[in-house]
Protein backbone atom coordinates (compact mmCIF):
# COMPACT_ATOMS: atom_id res chain seq x y z
CA MET A 1 20.74 19.53 2.20
CA PHE A 2 21.26 17.17 -0.74
CA ASN A 3 22.39 14.44 1.66
CA LYS A 4 19.19 14.83 3.69
CA ASN A 5 17.07 14.46 0.54
CA VAL A 6 18.98 11.33 -0.46
CA LYS A 7 18.40 9.80 2.98
CA SER A 8 14.72 10.75 2.89
CA SER A 9 14.35 9.28 -0.58
CA LYS A 10 16.08 6.05 0.50
CA LYS A 11 13.78 5.86 3.52
CA ASP A 12 10.71 6.36 1.33
CA GLN A 13 11.94 3.72 -1.11
CA THR A 14 12.57 1.23 1.70
CA GLN A 15 9.16 1.85 3.25
CA GLU A 16 7.49 1.45 -0.13
CA LEU A 17 9.47 -1.74 -0.83
CA ILE A 18 8.33 -3.24 2.47
CA LYS A 19 4.69 -2.27 1.84
CA GLU A 20 4.70 -3.58 -1.73
CA THR A 21 6.33 -6.82 -0.63
CA ALA A 22 3.81 -7.29 2.16
CA LYS A 23 0.95 -6.56 -0.28
CA ASN A 24 2.32 -9.17 -2.65
CA LEU A 25 2.56 -11.74 0.13
CA PHE A 26 -0.91 -10.97 1.48
CA PHE A 27 -2.96 -10.34 -1.65
CA VAL A 28 -1.15 -12.24 -4.42
CA LYS A 29 0.27 -15.20 -2.54
CA GLY A 30 -2.51 -15.32 0.07
CA LYS A 31 -0.05 -15.44 2.95
CA PHE A 32 -2.04 -13.38 5.44
CA ASP A 33 -0.09 -15.02 8.24
CA ALA A 34 3.30 -13.92 6.86
CA THR A 35 5.69 -13.00 9.63
CA THR A 36 7.84 -9.89 9.72
CA GLN A 37 10.81 -12.15 9.02
CA GLU A 38 9.14 -13.57 5.90
CA ILE A 39 8.26 -10.07 4.69
CA ALA A 40 11.81 -8.88 5.36
CA ASP A 41 13.36 -11.89 3.62
CA GLU A 42 11.13 -11.41 0.58
CA ALA A 43 11.94 -7.67 0.47
CA GLY A 44 15.65 -8.25 1.04
CA VAL A 45 15.79 -6.01 4.11
CA ASN A 46 16.57 -6.47 7.77
CA ARG A 47 13.52 -7.41 9.86
CA THR A 48 14.21 -4.57 12.28
CA LEU A 49 13.44 -2.09 9.49
CA ILE A 50 9.82 -3.23 9.49
CA ASN A 51 9.55 -2.41 13.17
CA TYR A 52 11.48 0.83 12.66
CA TYR A 53 9.22 2.11 9.87
CA PHE A 54 5.89 0.57 10.90
CA ARG A 55 6.31 -0.23 14.63
CA SER A 56 4.72 -3.67 14.25
CA ARG A 57 3.41 -6.22 11.78
CA ASP A 58 -0.14 -5.33 12.77
CA LYS A 59 0.47 -1.64 12.07
CA LEU A 60 1.96 -2.52 8.65
CA ILE A 61 -1.10 -4.63 7.85
CA GLN A 62 -3.42 -1.84 8.99
CA ILE A 63 -1.64 0.69 6.76
CA ILE A 64 -1.84 -1.66 3.77
CA PHE A 65 -5.53 -2.37 4.26
CA ASP A 66 -6.32 1.32 4.86
CA GLU A 67 -4.55 2.23 1.61
CA ALA A 68 -6.35 -0.56 -0.28
CA GLN A 69 -9.68 0.62 1.09
CA ARG A 70 -8.92 4.22 0.11
CA VAL A 71 -8.03 3.14 -3.45
CA GLU A 72 -11.24 1.11 -3.74
CA GLN A 73 -13.31 4.05 -2.48
CA GLU A 74 -11.68 6.33 -5.07
CA LYS A 75 -12.42 3.81 -7.81
CA SER A 76 -16.02 3.54 -6.64
CA LYS A 77 -16.43 7.32 -6.76
CA ILE A 78 -15.08 7.40 -10.32
CA ILE A 79 -17.51 4.67 -11.36
CA GLN A 80 -20.42 6.39 -9.62
CA ASN A 81 -19.58 9.72 -11.26
CA ALA A 82 -19.25 8.07 -14.66
CA ASP A 83 -22.62 6.40 -14.11
CA LEU A 84 -24.21 9.74 -13.23
CA LEU A 85 -22.73 11.35 -16.34
CA LEU A 86 -24.04 8.50 -18.46
CA LYS A 87 -27.51 8.84 -16.95
CA LYS A 88 -27.46 12.60 -17.62
CA ARG A 89 -26.40 12.02 -21.22
CA LEU A 90 -29.09 9.42 -21.73
CA ALA A 91 -31.70 11.69 -20.14
CA SER A 92 -30.74 14.59 -22.40
CA SER A 93 -30.86 12.47 -25.56
């Protein structure tokens, strides 16, 4: 059982490494046309792992953008809720 958890953890770490590397290439370096080979080289992994974990470059990009959109929506909700609380406080003053 321990061995299975170690393998699962390693898999999760590798997937996260690939996603974070791709995010860095896309969002920080502006390389939206980065190939799977460029992502793999930057992450220090074999290119086939990208296809293994994400099936394709397009699927990896879709996952990254979906996650980014979800994070932005969560931030927007926090801001909206904070704004509502502020308005309530001001109204009750």
